[in-house]
Amino acid sequence: MFGNIFGKLQEAQQKMKESKDRLAGVTMDGEAGDGAVKVTVTGNREIKSIVIADQLCTPERKEEMEDLLITALNRALKNAESAWEAEMKDVAGGMLGPLAGLM
């Protein structure tokens, strides 16, 4: 009995690792200000790049740039969160077998 439980636990840990590895290779973007600020994050919600249009890089537009950066980051992170949730749902569904359809 316990051997089966430990086997399932090890299987779940392996599937979680595989999912994290897959998500690390997936990128999502978020933009704001008609593309003036672009952010790319991984499915594991790690920021990979931030691109800011030159016209925002002036002292007079500092506050606007900060607002657009927050918006772009939040959009990218929301997309990454959706991808992460979908991946975890697949992992959980695979572990639950026939019970997955009840979730």
PDB file of N, CA and C in Angstrom:
ATOM      1  N   MET A   1       0.817  -1.195   0.000  1.00  0.00           N
ATOM      2  CA  MET A   1       0.000   0.000   0.000  1.00  0.00           C
ATOM      3  C   MET A   1       0.865   1.265   0.000  1.00  0.00           C
ATOM      4  N   PHE A   2       1.831   1.329   0.957  1.00  0.00           N
ATOM      5  CA  PHE A   2       2.669   2.515   1.032  1.00  0.00           C
ATOM      6  C   PHE A   2       3.585   2.632  -0.181  1.00  0.00           C
ATOM      7  N   GLY A   3       4.004   1.493  -0.717  1.00  0.00           N
ATOM      8  CA  GLY A   3       4.830   1.519  -1.915  1.00  0.00           C
ATOM      9  C   GLY A   3       4.114   2.195  -3.062  1.00  0.00           C
ATOM     10  N   ASN A   4       2.829   1.937  -3.199  1.00  0.00           N
ATOM     11  CA  ASN A   4       2.029   2.556  -4.256  1.00  0.00           C
ATOM     12  C   ASN A   4       1.906   4.060  -4.034  1.00  0.00           C
ATOM     13  N   ILE A   5       1.728   4.464  -2.783  1.00  0.00           N
ATOM     14  CA  ILE A   5       1.613   5.892  -2.468  1.00  0.00           C
ATOM     15  C   ILE A   5       2.929   6.606  -2.766  1.00  0.00           C
ATOM     16  N   PHE A   6       4.042   6.000  -2.334  1.00  0.00           N
ATOM     17  CA  PHE A   6       5.343   6.611  -2.599  1.00  0.00           C
ATOM     18  C   PHE A   6       5.634   6.647  -4.093  1.00  0.00           C
ATOM     19  N   GLY A   7       5.227   5.620  -4.802  1.00  0.00           N
ATOM     20  CA  GLY A   7       5.403   5.606  -6.248  1.00  0.00           C
ATOM     21  C   GLY A   7       4.632   6.733  -6.903  1.00  0.00           C
ATOM     22  N   LYS A   8       3.394   6.949  -6.450  1.00  0.00           N
ATOM     23  CA  LYS A   8       2.571   8.044  -6.993  1.00  0.00           C
ATOM     24  C   LYS A   8       3.184   9.398  -6.664  1.00  0.00           C
ATOM     25  N   LEU A   9       3.732   9.505  -5.446  1.00  0.00           N
ATOM     26  CA  LEU A   9       4.366  10.758  -5.039  1.00  0.00           C
ATOM     27  C   LEU A   9       5.586  11.049  -5.906  1.00  0.00           C
ATOM     28  N   GLN A  10       6.408  10.049  -6.149  1.00  0.00           N
ATOM     29  CA  GLN A  10       7.578  10.233  -7.005  1.00  0.00           C
ATOM     30  C   GLN A  10       7.149  10.576  -8.430  1.00  0.00           C
ATOM     31  N   GLU A  11       6.099   9.933  -8.906  1.00  0.00           N
ATOM     32  CA  GLU A  11       5.584  10.232 -10.245  1.00  0.00           C
ATOM     33  C   GLU A  11       5.104  11.679 -10.322  1.00  0.00           C
ATOM     34  N   ALA A  12       4.413  12.126  -9.270  1.00  0.00           N
ATOM     35  CA  ALA A  12       3.915  13.503  -9.237  1.00  0.00           C
ATOM     36  C   ALA A  12       5.079  14.491  -9.224  1.00  0.00           C
ATOM     37  N   GLN A  13       6.112  14.197  -8.443  1.00  0.00           N
ATOM     38  CA  GLN A  13       7.274  15.078  -8.393  1.00  0.00           C
ATOM     39  C   GLN A  13       7.951  15.156  -9.756  1.00  0.00           C
ATOM     40  N   GLN A  14       8.060  14.040 -10.433  1.00  0.00           N
ATOM     41  CA  GLN A  14       8.684  14.025 -11.766  1.00  0.00           C
ATOM     42  C   GLN A  14       7.850  14.833 -12.759  1.00  0.00           C
ATOM     43  N   LYS A  15       6.534  14.678 -12.694  1.00  0.00           N
ATOM     44  CA  LYS A  15       5.664  15.423 -13.608  1.00  0.00           C
ATOM     45  C   LYS A  15       5.739  16.925 -13.331  1.00  0.00           C
ATOM     46  N   MET A  16       5.837  17.305 -12.058  1.00  0.00           N
ATOM     47  CA  MET A  16       5.966  18.716 -11.721  1.00  0.00           C
ATOM     48  C   MET A  16       7.282  19.280 -12.270  1.00  0.00           C
ATOM     49  N   LYS A  17       8.358  18.523 -12.137  1.00  0.00           N
ATOM     50  CA  LYS A  17       9.648  18.964 -12.667  1.00  0.00           C
ATOM     51  C   LYS A  17       9.575  19.120 -14.179  1.00  0.00           C
ATOM     52  N   GLU A  18       8.967  18.156 -14.861  1.00  0.00           N
ATOM     53  CA  GLU A  18       8.830  18.229 -16.312  1.00  0.00           C
ATOM     54  C   GLU A  18       8.001  19.444 -16.710  1.00  0.00           C
ATOM     55  N   SER A  19       6.941  19.707 -15.957  1.00  0.00           N
ATOM     56  CA  SER A  19       6.095  20.870 -16.249  1.00  0.00           C
ATOM     57  C   SER A  19       6.870  22.168 -16.076  1.00  0.00           C
ATOM     58  N   LYS A  20       7.631  22.285 -14.995  1.00  0.00           N
ATOM     59  CA  LYS A  20       8.425  23.490 -14.774  1.00  0.00           C
ATOM     60  C   LYS A  20       9.451  23.672 -15.887  1.00  0.00           C
ATOM     61  N   ASP A  21      10.046  22.574 -16.323  1.00  0.00           N
ATOM     62  CA  ASP A  21      11.018  22.655 -17.419  1.00  0.00           C
ATOM     63  C   ASP A  21      10.337  23.134 -18.704  1.00  0.00           C
ATOM     64  N   ARG A  22       9.142  22.598 -18.990  1.00  0.00           N
ATOM     65  CA  ARG A  22       8.404  23.037 -20.186  1.00  0.00           C
ATOM     66  C   ARG A  22       8.052  24.514 -20.088  1.00  0.00           C
ATOM     67  N   LEU A  23       7.565  24.929 -18.924  1.00  0.00           N
ATOM     68  CA  LEU A  23       7.157  26.321 -18.742  1.00  0.00           C
ATOM     69  C   LEU A  23       8.341  27.278 -18.846  1.00  0.00           C
ATOM     70  N   ALA A  24       9.521  26.823 -18.479  1.00  0.00           N
ATOM     71  CA  ALA A  24      10.713  27.678 -18.590  1.00  0.00           C
ATOM     72  C   ALA A  24      11.018  28.011 -20.044  1.00  0.00           C
ATOM     73  N   GLY A  25      10.606  27.135 -20.960  1.00  0.00           N
ATOM     74  CA  GLY A  25      10.863  27.359 -22.378  1.00  0.00           C
ATOM     75  C   GLY A  25       9.754  28.086 -23.108  1.00  0.00           C
ATOM     76  N   VAL A  26       8.677  28.384 -22.395  1.00  0.00           N
ATOM     77  CA  VAL A  26       7.539  29.082 -22.994  1.00  0.00           C
ATOM     78  C   VAL A  26       7.611  30.543 -22.581  1.00  0.00           C
ATOM     79  N   THR A  27       7.431  31.451 -23.541  1.00  0.00           N
ATOM     80  CA  THR A  27       7.435  32.871 -23.200  1.00  0.00           C
ATOM     81  C   THR A  27       6.111  33.514 -23.556  1.00  0.00           C
ATOM     82  N   MET A  28       5.739  34.495 -22.760  1.00  0.00           N
ATOM     83  CA  MET A  28       4.542  35.281 -22.971  1.00  0.00           C
ATOM     84  C   MET A  28       4.920  36.753 -22.940  1.00  0.00           C
ATOM     85  N   ASP A  29       4.195  37.533 -23.701  1.00  0.00           N
ATOM     86  CA  ASP A  29       4.475  38.962 -23.785  1.00  0.00           C
ATOM     87  C   ASP A  29       3.343  39.763 -23.182  1.00  0.00           C
ATOM     88  N   GLY A  30       3.692  40.954 -22.759  1.00  0.00           N
ATOM     89  CA  GLY A  30       2.716  41.949 -22.331  1.00  0.00           C
ATOM     90  C   GLY A  30       3.181  43.285 -22.864  1.00  0.00           C
ATOM     91  N   GLU A  31       2.238  44.095 -23.317  1.00  0.00           N
ATOM     92  CA  GLU A  31       2.571  45.411 -23.865  1.00  0.00           C
ATOM     93  C   GLU A  31       1.676  46.469 -23.249  1.00  0.00           C
ATOM     94  N   ALA A  32       2.131  47.693 -23.359  1.00  0.00           N
ATOM     95  CA  ALA A  32       1.320  48.839 -22.952  1.00  0.00           C
ATOM     96  C   ALA A  32       1.729  50.028 -23.808  1.00  0.00           C
ATOM     97  N   GLY A  33       0.839  50.993 -23.874  1.00  0.00           N
ATOM     98  CA  GLY A  33       1.131  52.209 -24.638  1.00  0.00           C
ATOM     99  C   GLY A  33       1.338  51.940 -26.107  1.00  0.00           C
ATOM    100  N   ASP A  34       0.472  51.122 -26.700  1.00  0.00           N
ATOM    101  CA  ASP A  34       0.569  50.769 -28.116  1.00  0.00           C
ATOM    102  C   ASP A  34       1.958  50.234 -28.472  1.00  0.00           C
ATOM    103  N   GLY A  35       2.496  49.411 -27.583  1.00  0.00           N
ATOM    104  CA  GLY A  35       3.781  48.783 -27.844  1.00  0.00           C
ATOM    105  C   GLY A  35       4.985  49.590 -27.389  1.00  0.00           C
ATOM    106  N   ALA A  36       4.756  50.719 -26.724  1.00  0.00           N
ATOM    107  CA  ALA A  36       5.874  51.545 -26.255  1.00  0.00           C
ATOM    108  C   ALA A  36       6.678  50.824 -25.171  1.00  0.00           C
ATOM    109  N   VAL A  37       6.006  49.944 -24.427  1.00  0.00           N
ATOM    110  CA  VAL A  37       6.668  49.121 -23.423  1.00  0.00           C
ATOM    111  C   VAL A  37       6.279  47.681 -23.681  1.00  0.00           C
ATOM    112  N   LYS A  38       7.282  46.812 -23.798  1.00  0.00           N
ATOM    113  CA  LYS A  38       7.043  45.387 -24.035  1.00  0.00           C
ATOM    114  C   LYS A  38       7.822  44.584 -23.005  1.00  0.00           C
ATOM    115  N   VAL A  39       7.146  43.592 -22.430  1.00  0.00           N
ATOM    116  CA  VAL A  39       7.758  42.734 -21.426  1.00  0.00           C
ATOM    117  C   VAL A  39       7.575  41.293 -21.855  1.00  0.00           C
ATOM    118  N   THR A  40       8.615  40.479 -21.702  1.00  0.00           N
ATOM    119  CA  THR A  40       8.544  39.054 -21.989  1.00  0.00           C
ATOM    120  C   THR A  40       8.877  38.299 -20.711  1.00  0.00           C
ATOM    121  N   VAL A  41       8.021  37.328 -20.366  1.00  0.00           N
ATOM    122  CA  VAL A  41       8.241  36.484 -19.189  1.00  0.00           C
ATOM    123  C   VAL A  41       8.118  35.020 -19.595  1.00  0.00           C
ATOM    124  N   THR A  42       8.686  34.141 -18.777  1.00  0.00           N
ATOM    125  CA  THR A  42       8.536  32.711 -19.022  1.00  0.00           C
ATOM    126  C   THR A  42       7.256  32.217 -18.363  1.00  0.00           C
ATOM    127  N   GLY A  43       6.893  30.987 -18.690  1.00  0.00           N
ATOM    128  CA  GLY A  43       5.740  30.369 -18.049  1.00  0.00           C
ATOM    129  C   GLY A  43       5.938  30.178 -16.561  1.00  0.00           C
ATOM    130  N   ASN A  44       7.187  30.233 -16.101  1.00  0.00           N
ATOM    131  CA  ASN A  44       7.492  30.166 -14.669  1.00  0.00           C
ATOM    132  C   ASN A  44       7.516  31.547 -14.032  1.00  0.00           C
ATOM    133  N   ARG A  45       7.052  32.541 -14.779  1.00  0.00           N
ATOM    134  CA  ARG A  45       6.906  33.912 -14.311  1.00  0.00           C
ATOM    135  C   ARG A  45       8.228  34.586 -13.990  1.00  0.00           C
ATOM    136  N   GLU A  46       9.229  34.301 -14.812  1.00  0.00           N
ATOM    137  CA  GLU A  46      10.517  34.975 -14.714  1.00  0.00           C
ATOM    138  C   GLU A  46      10.615  35.978 -15.856  1.00  0.00           C
ATOM    139  N   ILE A  47      11.012  37.184 -15.539  1.00  0.00           N
ATOM    140  CA  ILE A  47      11.127  38.230 -16.553  1.00  0.00           C
ATOM    141  C   ILE A  47      12.354  37.954 -17.408  1.00  0.00           C
ATOM    142  N   LYS A  48      12.151  37.916 -18.723  1.00  0.00           N
ATOM    143  CA  LYS A  48      13.243  37.666 -19.665  1.00  0.00           C
ATOM    144  C   LYS A  48      13.721  38.943 -20.330  1.00  0.00           C
ATOM    145  N   SER A  49      12.793  39.842 -20.637  1.00  0.00           N
ATOM    146  CA  SER A  49      13.223  41.085 -21.278  1.00  0.00           C
ATOM    147  C   SER A  49      12.198  42.188 -21.059  1.00  0.00           C
ATOM    148  N   ILE A  50      12.708  43.404 -21.099  1.00  0.00           N
ATOM    149  CA  ILE A  50      11.889  44.617 -21.033  1.00  0.00           C
ATOM    150  C   ILE A  50      12.419  45.547 -22.119  1.00  0.00           C
ATOM    151  N   VAL A  51      11.520  45.984 -22.993  1.00  0.00           N
ATOM    152  CA  VAL A  51      11.896  46.904 -24.061  1.00  0.00           C
ATOM    153  C   VAL A  51      11.058  48.166 -23.893  1.00  0.00           C
ATOM    154  N   ILE A  52      11.741  49.302 -23.851  1.00  0.00           N
ATOM    155  CA  ILE A  52      11.072  50.596 -23.666  1.00  0.00           C
ATOM    156  C   ILE A  52      11.437  51.486 -24.847  1.00  0.00           C
ATOM    157  N   ALA A  53      10.409  52.048 -25.486  1.00  0.00           N
ATOM    158  CA  ALA A  53      10.627  52.927 -26.636  1.00  0.00           C
ATOM    159  C   ALA A  53      11.427  54.160 -26.213  1.00  0.00           C
ATOM    160  N   ASP A  54      12.292  54.592 -27.106  1.00  0.00           N
ATOM    161  CA  ASP A  54      13.173  55.728 -26.814  1.00  0.00           C
ATOM    162  C   ASP A  54      12.402  56.980 -26.386  1.00  0.00           C
ATOM    163  N   GLN A  55      11.242  57.209 -26.982  1.00  0.00           N
ATOM    164  CA  GLN A  55      10.507  58.445 -26.673  1.00  0.00           C
ATOM    165  C   GLN A  55      10.038  58.504 -25.219  1.00  0.00           C
ATOM    166  N   LEU A  56      10.018  57.366 -24.525  1.00  0.00           N
ATOM    167  CA  LEU A  56       9.622  57.371 -23.115  1.00  0.00           C
ATOM    168  C   LEU A  56      10.800  57.632 -22.183  1.00  0.00           C
ATOM    169  N   CYS A  57      11.997  57.622 -22.706  1.00  0.00           N
ATOM    170  CA  CYS A  57      13.208  57.730 -21.882  1.00  0.00           C
ATOM    171  C   CYS A  57      13.631  59.176 -21.687  1.00  0.00           C
ATOM    172  N   THR A  58      12.708  59.977 -21.229  1.00  0.00           N
ATOM    173  CA  THR A  58      13.015  61.371 -20.922  1.00  0.00           C
ATOM    174  C   THR A  58      12.498  61.655 -19.515  1.00  0.00           C
ATOM    175  N   PRO A  59      13.124  62.587 -18.822  1.00  0.00           N
ATOM    176  CA  PRO A  59      12.675  62.897 -17.460  1.00  0.00           C
ATOM    177  C   PRO A  59      11.202  63.323 -17.399  1.00  0.00           C
ATOM    178  N   GLU A  60      10.741  64.008 -18.451  1.00  0.00           N
ATOM    179  CA  GLU A  60       9.353  64.479 -18.453  1.00  0.00           C
ATOM    180  C   GLU A  60       8.345  63.325 -18.550  1.00  0.00           C
ATOM    181  N   ARG A  61       8.774  62.206 -19.081  1.00  0.00           N
ATOM    182  CA  ARG A  61       7.847  61.082 -19.299  1.00  0.00           C
ATOM    183  C   ARG A  61       8.113  59.915 -18.343  1.00  0.00           C
ATOM    184  N   LYS A  62       8.911  60.179 -17.311  1.00  0.00           N
ATOM    185  CA  LYS A  62       9.285  59.137 -16.361  1.00  0.00           C
ATOM    186  C   LYS A  62       8.052  58.480 -15.724  1.00  0.00           C
ATOM    187  N   GLU A  63       7.123  59.270 -15.259  1.00  0.00           N
ATOM    188  CA  GLU A  63       5.927  58.727 -14.605  1.00  0.00           C
ATOM    189  C   GLU A  63       5.085  57.900 -15.580  1.00  0.00           C
ATOM    190  N   GLU A  64       4.947  58.384 -16.802  1.00  0.00           N
ATOM    191  CA  GLU A  64       4.210  57.636 -17.826  1.00  0.00           C
ATOM    192  C   GLU A  64       4.899  56.295 -18.097  1.00  0.00           C
ATOM    193  N   MET A  65       6.236  56.311 -18.208  1.00  0.00           N
ATOM    194  CA  MET A  65       6.973  55.081 -18.450  1.00  0.00           C
ATOM    195  C   MET A  65       6.768  54.095 -17.302  1.00  0.00           C
ATOM    196  N   GLU A  66       6.808  54.570 -16.084  1.00  0.00           N
ATOM    197  CA  GLU A  66       6.599  53.690 -14.928  1.00  0.00           C
ATOM    198  C   GLU A  66       5.215  53.059 -14.962  1.00  0.00           C
ATOM    199  N   ASP A  67       4.198  53.848 -15.267  1.00  0.00           N
ATOM    200  CA  ASP A  67       2.835  53.325 -15.352  1.00  0.00           C
ATOM    201  C   ASP A  67       2.700  52.276 -16.456  1.00  0.00           C
ATOM    202  N   LEU A  68       3.281  52.568 -17.617  1.00  0.00           N
ATOM    203  CA  LEU A  68       3.213  51.621 -18.728  1.00  0.00           C
ATOM    204  C   LEU A  68       3.995  50.340 -18.422  1.00  0.00           C
ATOM    205  N   LEU A  69       5.097  50.483 -17.728  1.00  0.00           N
ATOM    206  CA  LEU A  69       5.888  49.315 -17.349  1.00  0.00           C
ATOM    207  C   LEU A  69       5.099  48.404 -16.401  1.00  0.00           C
ATOM    208  N   ILE A  70       4.445  48.981 -15.442  1.00  0.00           N
ATOM    209  CA  ILE A  70       3.608  48.193 -14.520  1.00  0.00           C
ATOM    210  C   ILE A  70       2.496  47.487 -15.284  1.00  0.00           C
ATOM    211  N   THR A  71       1.854  48.201 -16.187  1.00  0.00           N
ATOM    212  CA  THR A  71       0.771  47.598 -16.974  1.00  0.00           C
ATOM    213  C   THR A  71       1.283  46.442 -17.826  1.00  0.00           C
ATOM    214  N   ALA A  72       2.396  46.649 -18.517  1.00  0.00           N
ATOM    215  CA  ALA A  72       2.958  45.600 -19.378  1.00  0.00           C
ATOM    216  C   ALA A  72       3.395  44.391 -18.558  1.00  0.00           C
ATOM    217  N   LEU A  73       4.032  44.628 -17.421  1.00  0.00           N
ATOM    218  CA  LEU A  73       4.446  43.524 -16.552  1.00  0.00           C
ATOM    219  C   LEU A  73       3.242  42.730 -16.065  1.00  0.00           C
ATOM    220  N   ASN A  74       2.227  43.418 -15.612  1.00  0.00           N
ATOM    221  CA  ASN A  74       1.033  42.728 -15.124  1.00  0.00           C
ATOM    222  C   ASN A  74       0.364  41.911 -16.222  1.00  0.00           C
ATOM    223  N   ARG A  75       0.326  42.428 -17.433  1.00  0.00           N
ATOM    224  CA  ARG A  75      -0.261  41.678 -18.548  1.00  0.00           C
ATOM    225  C   ARG A  75       0.551  40.428 -18.864  1.00  0.00           C
ATOM    226  N   ALA A  76       1.868  40.571 -18.913  1.00  0.00           N
ATOM    227  CA  ALA A  76       2.726  39.420 -19.201  1.00  0.00           C
ATOM    228  C   ALA A  76       2.616  38.374 -18.093  1.00  0.00           C
ATOM    229  N   LEU A  77       2.616  38.817 -16.849  1.00  0.00           N
ATOM    230  CA  LEU A  77       2.518  37.882 -15.727  1.00  0.00           C
ATOM    231  C   LEU A  77       1.157  37.192 -15.685  1.00  0.00           C
ATOM    232  N   LYS A  78       0.113  37.898 -16.071  1.00  0.00           N
ATOM    233  CA  LYS A  78      -1.212  37.275 -16.137  1.00  0.00           C
ATOM    234  C   LYS A  78      -1.222  36.173 -17.195  1.00  0.00           C
ATOM    235  N   ASN A  79      -0.605  36.439 -18.342  1.00  0.00           N
ATOM    236  CA  ASN A  79      -0.516  35.416 -19.388  1.00  0.00           C
ATOM    237  C   ASN A  79       0.288  34.219 -18.906  1.00  0.00           C
ATOM    238  N   ALA A  80       1.378  34.481 -18.190  1.00  0.00           N
ATOM    239  CA  ALA A  80       2.200  33.393 -17.662  1.00  0.00           C
ATOM    240  C   ALA A  80       1.432  32.599 -16.614  1.00  0.00           C
ATOM    241  N   GLU A  81       0.676  33.276 -15.796  1.00  0.00           N
ATOM    242  CA  GLU A  81      -0.125  32.592 -14.768  1.00  0.00           C
ATOM    243  C   GLU A  81      -1.149  31.663 -15.416  1.00  0.00           C
ATOM    244  N   SER A  82      -1.764  32.119 -16.485  1.00  0.00           N
ATOM    245  CA  SER A  82      -2.741  31.276 -17.196  1.00  0.00           C
ATOM    246  C   SER A  82      -2.071  30.025 -17.754  1.00  0.00           C
ATOM    247  N   ALA A  83      -0.889  30.192 -18.323  1.00  0.00           N
ATOM    248  CA  ALA A  83      -0.156  29.040 -18.865  1.00  0.00           C
ATOM    249  C   ALA A  83       0.242  28.091 -17.746  1.00  0.00           C
ATOM    250  N   TRP A  84       0.672  28.633 -16.616  1.00  0.00           N
ATOM    251  CA  TRP A  84       1.080  27.810 -15.476  1.00  0.00           C
ATOM    252  C   TRP A  84      -0.120  27.021 -14.944  1.00  0.00           C
ATOM    253  N   GLU A  85      -1.267  27.696 -14.796  1.00  0.00           N
ATOM    254  CA  GLU A  85      -2.464  27.011 -14.303  1.00  0.00           C
ATOM    255  C   GLU A  85      -2.900  25.895 -15.242  1.00  0.00           C
ATOM    256  N   ALA A  86      -2.841  26.128 -16.539  1.00  0.00           N
ATOM    257  CA  ALA A  86      -3.216  25.095 -17.507  1.00  0.00           C
ATOM    258  C   ALA A  86      -2.277  23.898 -17.405  1.00  0.00           C
ATOM    259  N   GLU A  87      -0.993  24.167 -17.255  1.00  0.00           N
ATOM    260  CA  GLU A  87      -0.007  23.088 -17.141  1.00  0.00           C
ATOM    261  C   GLU A  87      -0.241  22.279 -15.863  1.00  0.00           C
ATOM    262  N   MET A  88      -0.497  22.957 -14.761  1.00  0.00           N
ATOM    263  CA  MET A  88      -0.722  22.256 -13.488  1.00  0.00           C
ATOM    264  C   MET A  88      -2.030  21.460 -13.517  1.00  0.00           C
ATOM    265  N   LYS A  89      -3.021  21.979 -14.210  1.00  0.00           N
ATOM    266  CA  LYS A  89      -4.285  21.256 -14.338  1.00  0.00           C
ATOM    267  C   LYS A  89      -4.053  19.955 -15.104  1.00  0.00           C
ATOM    268  N   ASP A  90      -3.228  20.018 -16.149  1.00  0.00           N
ATOM    269  CA  ASP A  90      -2.899  18.810 -16.907  1.00  0.00           C
ATOM    270  C   ASP A  90      -2.160  17.805 -16.030  1.00  0.00           C
ATOM    271  N   VAL A  91      -1.228  18.284 -15.221  1.00  0.00           N
ATOM    272  CA  VAL A  91      -0.476  17.392 -14.335  1.00  0.00           C
ATOM    273  C   VAL A  91      -1.420  16.756 -13.327  1.00  0.00           C
ATOM    274  N   ALA A  92      -2.255  17.553 -12.701  1.00  0.00           N
ATOM    275  CA  ALA A  92      -3.183  17.032 -11.698  1.00  0.00           C
ATOM    276  C   ALA A  92      -4.167  16.061 -12.335  1.00  0.00           C
ATOM    277  N   GLY A  93      -4.650  16.384 -13.516  1.00  0.00           N
ATOM    278  CA  GLY A  93      -5.594  15.502 -14.209  1.00  0.00           C
ATOM    279  C   GLY A  93      -4.970  14.160 -14.523  1.00  0.00           C
ATOM    280  N   GLY A  94      -3.708  14.170 -14.919  1.00  0.00           N
ATOM    281  CA  GLY A  94      -3.016  12.924 -15.231  1.00  0.00           C
ATOM    282  C   GLY A  94      -2.831  12.057 -14.003  1.00  0.00           C
ATOM    283  N   MET A  95      -2.683  12.682 -12.844  1.00  0.00           N
ATOM    284  CA  MET A  95      -2.469  11.924 -11.620  1.00  0.00           C
ATOM    285  C   MET A  95      -3.771  11.365 -11.078  1.00  0.00           C
ATOM    286  N   LEU A  96      -4.872  12.051 -11.312  1.00  0.00           N
ATOM    287  CA  LEU A  96      -6.143  11.627 -10.756  1.00  0.00           C
ATOM    288  C   LEU A  96      -6.864  10.598 -11.607  1.00  0.00           C
ATOM    289  N   GLY A  97      -6.416  10.445 -12.825  1.00  0.00           N
ATOM    290  CA  GLY A  97      -7.035   9.446 -13.713  1.00  0.00           C
ATOM    291  C   GLY A  97      -8.490   9.763 -13.963  1.00  0.00           C
ATOM    292  N   PRO A  98      -9.394   8.797 -13.740  1.00  0.00           N
ATOM    293  CA  PRO A  98     -10.802   8.985 -14.053  1.00  0.00           C
ATOM    294  C   PRO A  98     -11.474  10.068 -13.204  1.00  0.00           C
ATOM    295  N   LEU A  99     -10.883  10.408 -12.061  1.00  0.00           N
ATOM    296  CA  LEU A  99     -11.485  11.439 -11.217  1.00  0.00           C
ATOM    297  C   LEU A  99     -11.236  12.832 -11.771  1.00  0.00           C
ATOM    298  N   ALA A 100     -10.300  12.981 -12.700  1.00  0.00           N
ATOM    299  CA  ALA A 100      -9.947  14.310 -13.236  1.00  0.00           C
ATOM    300  C   ALA A 100     -11.141  14.994 -13.876  1.00  0.00           C
ATOM    301  N   GLY A 101     -12.025  14.229 -14.490  1.00  0.00           N
ATOM    302  CA  GLY A 101     -13.186  14.813 -15.137  1.00  0.00           C
ATOM    303  C   GLY A 101     -14.157  15.455 -14.173  1.00  0.00           C
ATOM    304  N   LEU A 102     -14.038  15.133 -12.897  1.00  0.00           N
ATOM    305  CA  LEU A 102     -14.924  15.702 -11.881  1.00  0.00           C
ATOM    306  C   LEU A 102     -14.452  17.053 -11.398  1.00  0.00           C
ATOM    307  N   MET A 103     -13.226  17.446 -11.743  1.00  0.00           N
ATOM    308  CA  MET A 103     -12.666  18.718 -11.277  1.00  0.00           C
ATOM    309  C   MET A 103     -13.224  19.871 -12.063  1.00  0.00           C
TER     310      MET A 103
END
